[in-house]
N, C-alpha and C. Protein backbone atom coordinates (compact mmCIF):
# COMPACT_ATOMS: atom_id res chain seq x y z
N MET A 1 0.97 -1.10 0.16
CA MET A 1 -0.12 0.12 0.12
C MET A 1 0.85 1.12 -0.03
N VAL A 2 0.66 2.12 -0.91
CA VAL A 2 1.33 3.55 -0.93
C VAL A 2 0.59 4.36 -0.02
N ALA A 3 1.42 5.12 0.85
CA ALA A 3 0.84 6.16 1.64
C ALA A 3 0.61 7.27 1.03
N LYS A 4 -0.41 8.09 1.38
CA LYS A 4 -0.66 9.39 0.97
C LYS A 4 0.52 10.25 1.41
N ARG A 5 1.04 11.50 0.88
CA ARG A 5 2.15 12.15 1.21
C ARG A 5 1.63 13.69 1.10
N ILE A 6 2.02 14.58 2.03
CA ILE A 6 1.67 15.84 2.12
C ILE A 6 2.88 16.75 2.44
N LYS A 7 2.75 17.90 2.04
CA LYS A 7 3.98 18.86 2.43
C LYS A 7 3.93 19.09 3.95
N GLY A 8 5.11 19.21 4.36
CA GLY A 8 5.18 19.29 5.85
C GLY A 8 4.60 20.77 6.42
N ASN A 9 4.46 21.80 5.44
CA ASN A 9 3.67 22.95 6.13
C ASN A 9 2.21 22.71 6.17
N SER A 10 1.63 21.42 5.56
CA SER A 10 0.23 21.29 5.77
C SER A 10 0.13 20.35 6.83
N LEU A 11 0.98 19.68 7.79
CA LEU A 11 0.94 18.88 8.77
C LEU A 11 0.17 19.77 10.00
N HIS A 12 -0.40 18.90 10.73
CA HIS A 12 -0.80 19.40 11.93
C HIS A 12 0.40 19.92 12.77
N PRO A 13 0.25 21.14 13.41
CA PRO A 13 1.36 21.90 14.07
C PRO A 13 1.93 21.00 14.96
N ASP A 14 1.34 19.97 15.71
CA ASP A 14 2.04 19.28 16.55
C ASP A 14 2.88 18.17 15.70
N ASP A 15 2.45 17.89 14.53
CA ASP A 15 3.33 16.96 13.75
C ASP A 15 4.37 17.66 13.20
N GLN A 16 4.37 18.91 12.85
CA GLN A 16 5.47 19.80 12.30
C GLN A 16 6.55 19.82 13.47
N ARG A 17 6.17 19.96 14.76
CA ARG A 17 7.03 20.08 15.90
C ARG A 17 7.76 18.66 15.86
N LEU A 18 7.02 17.62 15.78
CA LEU A 18 7.69 16.23 16.01
C LEU A 18 8.62 16.01 14.84
N VAL A 19 8.34 16.42 13.43
CA VAL A 19 9.23 16.18 12.47
C VAL A 19 10.68 16.92 12.51
N LEU A 20 10.36 18.28 13.16
CA LEU A 20 11.54 19.05 13.38
C LEU A 20 12.57 18.46 14.41
N ARG A 21 11.96 17.96 15.36
CA ARG A 21 12.87 17.33 16.24
C ARG A 21 13.32 15.84 15.72
N ALA A 22 12.60 15.19 14.83
CA ALA A 22 13.02 13.91 14.60
C ALA A 22 14.00 13.86 13.30
N PHE A 23 13.87 14.72 12.48
CA PHE A 23 14.82 14.87 11.42
C PHE A 23 15.95 15.74 11.46
N ILE A 24 16.81 15.26 12.24
CA ILE A 24 17.82 16.19 12.66
C ILE A 24 19.00 16.46 11.67
N TYR A 25 18.86 15.76 10.66
CA TYR A 25 20.16 15.77 9.62
C TYR A 25 19.58 16.82 8.57
N ARG A 26 18.49 17.59 8.63
CA ARG A 26 18.10 18.53 7.72
C ARG A 26 19.14 19.62 7.74
N PHE A 27 19.63 20.29 6.69
CA PHE A 27 20.53 21.39 6.78
C PHE A 27 19.90 22.59 6.30
N THR A 28 19.39 23.48 7.28
CA THR A 28 18.52 24.86 6.95
C THR A 28 19.49 25.83 7.77
N GLY A 29 19.00 27.13 7.28
CA GLY A 29 19.55 28.19 8.11
C GLY A 29 19.21 28.24 9.60
N ASP A 30 18.26 27.43 10.01
CA ASP A 30 17.87 27.27 11.47
C ASP A 30 18.58 26.01 12.04
N ASN A 31 19.06 25.10 11.22
CA ASN A 31 19.64 23.81 11.83
C ASN A 31 20.71 23.27 11.00
N THR A 32 21.85 23.28 11.59
CA THR A 32 23.00 22.74 11.01
C THR A 32 23.48 21.59 11.41
N PRO A 33 23.41 20.37 10.92
CA PRO A 33 23.86 18.98 11.31
C PRO A 33 25.30 18.98 11.34
N GLN A 34 25.83 18.01 12.23
CA GLN A 34 27.26 17.86 12.36
C GLN A 34 27.88 17.55 11.07
N TRP A 35 27.28 16.75 10.18
CA TRP A 35 27.88 16.43 8.67
C TRP A 35 28.38 17.65 8.05
N ALA A 36 27.48 18.90 8.22
CA ALA A 36 27.52 19.84 7.40
C ALA A 36 28.72 20.91 7.98
N ARG A 37 28.99 20.90 9.34
CA ARG A 37 29.84 21.88 10.08
C ARG A 37 31.20 22.10 9.55
N ASP A 38 31.79 20.96 9.22
CA ASP A 38 33.18 20.84 8.84
C ASP A 38 33.60 20.78 7.30
N GLY A 39 32.58 20.63 6.35
CA GLY A 39 32.78 20.39 5.08
C GLY A 39 32.68 21.55 4.15
N GLY A 40 32.23 22.68 4.52
CA GLY A 40 32.11 23.89 3.50
C GLY A 40 30.73 23.63 2.67
N TYR A 41 29.95 22.76 3.03
CA TYR A 41 28.54 22.54 2.50
C TYR A 41 27.73 23.79 2.35
N LYS A 42 27.04 23.90 1.46
CA LYS A 42 26.06 25.13 1.30
C LYS A 42 24.63 24.63 1.79
N VAL A 43 24.00 25.52 2.57
CA VAL A 43 22.69 25.34 3.16
C VAL A 43 21.62 24.88 2.11
N GLN A 44 20.83 23.86 2.37
CA GLN A 44 19.89 23.22 1.54
C GLN A 44 18.58 24.09 1.40
N PHE A 45 18.03 24.63 2.55
CA PHE A 45 17.17 25.38 2.82
C PHE A 45 17.30 26.55 3.56
N ALA A 46 16.60 27.57 3.12
CA ALA A 46 16.87 28.89 3.94
C ALA A 46 16.66 28.88 5.39
N ASP A 47 15.54 28.07 5.87
CA ASP A 47 15.10 27.96 7.04
C ASP A 47 14.12 26.75 7.43
N ASP A 48 13.82 26.36 8.61
CA ASP A 48 12.95 25.12 8.69
C ASP A 48 11.62 25.30 8.21
N SER A 49 11.08 26.71 8.07
CA SER A 49 9.63 26.80 7.38
C SER A 49 9.89 26.34 5.82
N GLU A 50 11.11 26.85 5.14
CA GLU A 50 11.20 26.30 3.91
C GLU A 50 11.20 24.81 3.63
N TRP A 51 11.94 24.21 4.67
CA TRP A 51 12.15 22.79 4.63
C TRP A 51 10.89 22.12 4.68
N LEU A 52 10.11 22.46 5.44
CA LEU A 52 8.72 21.80 5.70
C LEU A 52 7.77 22.03 4.38
N ALA A 53 7.90 23.30 3.71
CA ALA A 53 7.31 23.56 2.63
C ALA A 53 7.76 22.68 1.45
N ASN A 54 8.90 22.24 1.40
CA ASN A 54 9.50 21.48 0.35
C ASN A 54 9.95 20.02 0.73
N THR A 55 9.19 19.62 1.63
CA THR A 55 9.49 18.20 2.12
C THR A 55 8.09 17.44 2.34
N THR A 56 7.92 16.28 1.89
CA THR A 56 6.59 15.60 2.00
C THR A 56 6.95 14.31 3.04
N PHE A 57 5.67 14.24 3.61
CA PHE A 57 5.65 13.18 4.79
C PHE A 57 4.35 12.27 4.47
N ALA A 58 4.48 11.04 5.11
CA ALA A 58 3.38 10.19 4.88
C ALA A 58 2.25 10.49 5.90
N VAL A 59 1.08 10.39 5.49
CA VAL A 59 0.06 10.74 6.43
C VAL A 59 -1.07 9.58 6.47
N ARG A 60 -1.71 9.46 7.55
CA ARG A 60 -2.81 8.62 7.66
C ARG A 60 -4.16 9.22 7.13
N THR A 61 -5.03 8.59 7.04
CA THR A 61 -6.31 8.91 6.25
C THR A 61 -6.88 10.10 7.22
N ASP A 62 -6.61 10.42 8.48
CA ASP A 62 -7.09 11.57 9.14
C ASP A 62 -6.19 12.81 8.81
N GLY A 63 -5.32 12.61 8.04
CA GLY A 63 -4.11 13.53 7.79
C GLY A 63 -3.11 13.83 8.76
N ARG A 64 -3.04 13.11 9.76
CA ARG A 64 -2.03 13.30 10.86
C ARG A 64 -0.71 12.36 10.44
N LEU A 65 0.38 12.82 10.85
CA LEU A 65 1.56 12.22 10.39
C LEU A 65 1.55 10.57 10.70
N ASP A 66 1.99 9.62 9.80
CA ASP A 66 2.02 8.35 9.92
C ASP A 66 3.18 7.83 10.23
N ARG A 67 3.55 7.61 11.54
CA ARG A 67 4.61 7.25 12.08
C ARG A 67 5.41 5.95 11.85
N ARG A 68 4.55 5.30 11.06
CA ARG A 68 5.27 3.99 10.56
C ARG A 68 6.19 4.11 9.48
N TYR A 69 6.00 5.21 8.96
CA TYR A 69 6.98 5.67 7.75
C TYR A 69 8.29 6.56 8.39
N LYS A 70 9.41 6.33 8.33
CA LYS A 70 10.64 6.80 8.70
C LYS A 70 11.40 7.65 7.89
N ARG A 71 10.92 7.92 6.62
CA ARG A 71 11.44 8.89 5.56
C ARG A 71 10.69 9.96 5.39
N CYS A 72 11.26 10.95 4.87
CA CYS A 72 10.65 12.13 4.24
C CYS A 72 11.33 12.34 2.98
N GLU A 73 10.67 12.93 1.93
CA GLU A 73 11.31 13.37 0.62
C GLU A 73 11.39 14.79 0.40
N SER A 74 12.52 15.35 0.30
CA SER A 74 12.76 16.77 0.02
C SER A 74 13.19 16.97 -1.39
N SER A 75 13.06 18.45 -1.48
CA SER A 75 13.51 18.97 -2.75
C SER A 75 14.22 20.37 -2.33
N PRO A 76 15.68 20.20 -2.12
CA PRO A 76 16.39 21.48 -1.63
C PRO A 76 16.17 22.51 -2.63
N THR A 77 16.21 23.65 -1.84
CA THR A 77 15.96 24.99 -2.87
C THR A 77 17.24 25.72 -3.06
N TRP A 78 18.47 25.28 -2.57
CA TRP A 78 19.73 25.89 -2.47
C TRP A 78 19.75 27.27 -2.47
N PRO A 79 19.31 27.85 -1.39
CA PRO A 79 19.23 29.68 -1.42
C PRO A 79 20.52 30.16 -1.80
N ASP A 80 21.68 29.59 -1.47
CA ASP A 80 22.94 29.95 -1.50
C ASP A 80 23.86 29.62 -2.74
N GLY A 81 23.01 28.97 -3.57
CA GLY A 81 23.47 28.26 -4.91
C GLY A 81 23.93 26.74 -4.59
N ARG A 82 23.76 26.06 -5.63
CA ARG A 82 24.01 24.51 -5.10
C ARG A 82 25.59 24.22 -4.91
N ALA A 83 25.75 23.48 -4.08
CA ALA A 83 27.02 22.98 -3.72
C ALA A 83 27.69 22.20 -4.88
N LYS A 84 28.97 22.38 -5.09
CA LYS A 84 29.61 21.66 -5.93
C LYS A 84 29.78 20.29 -5.57
N GLY A 85 29.66 19.47 -6.61
CA GLY A 85 29.92 18.02 -6.30
C GLY A 85 30.32 17.08 -7.37
């Protein structure tokens, strides 16, 4: 069964707070994970609000976060330009 997915900015506010605590490896202007601190990487999203707006999550039929799914799908906006790779 394929789960319905919605953008994070459409999640219930409690679910938004939960994903911001759970997905600690996101690289935004508000959250810099350890992996990005030493490598000269460019930020992937301007802030956590932009991350939520460009990231989808699985939801149950009632629209609340489906915690059985442990992954999200993001489309980085690269506000400072894309990192060389």
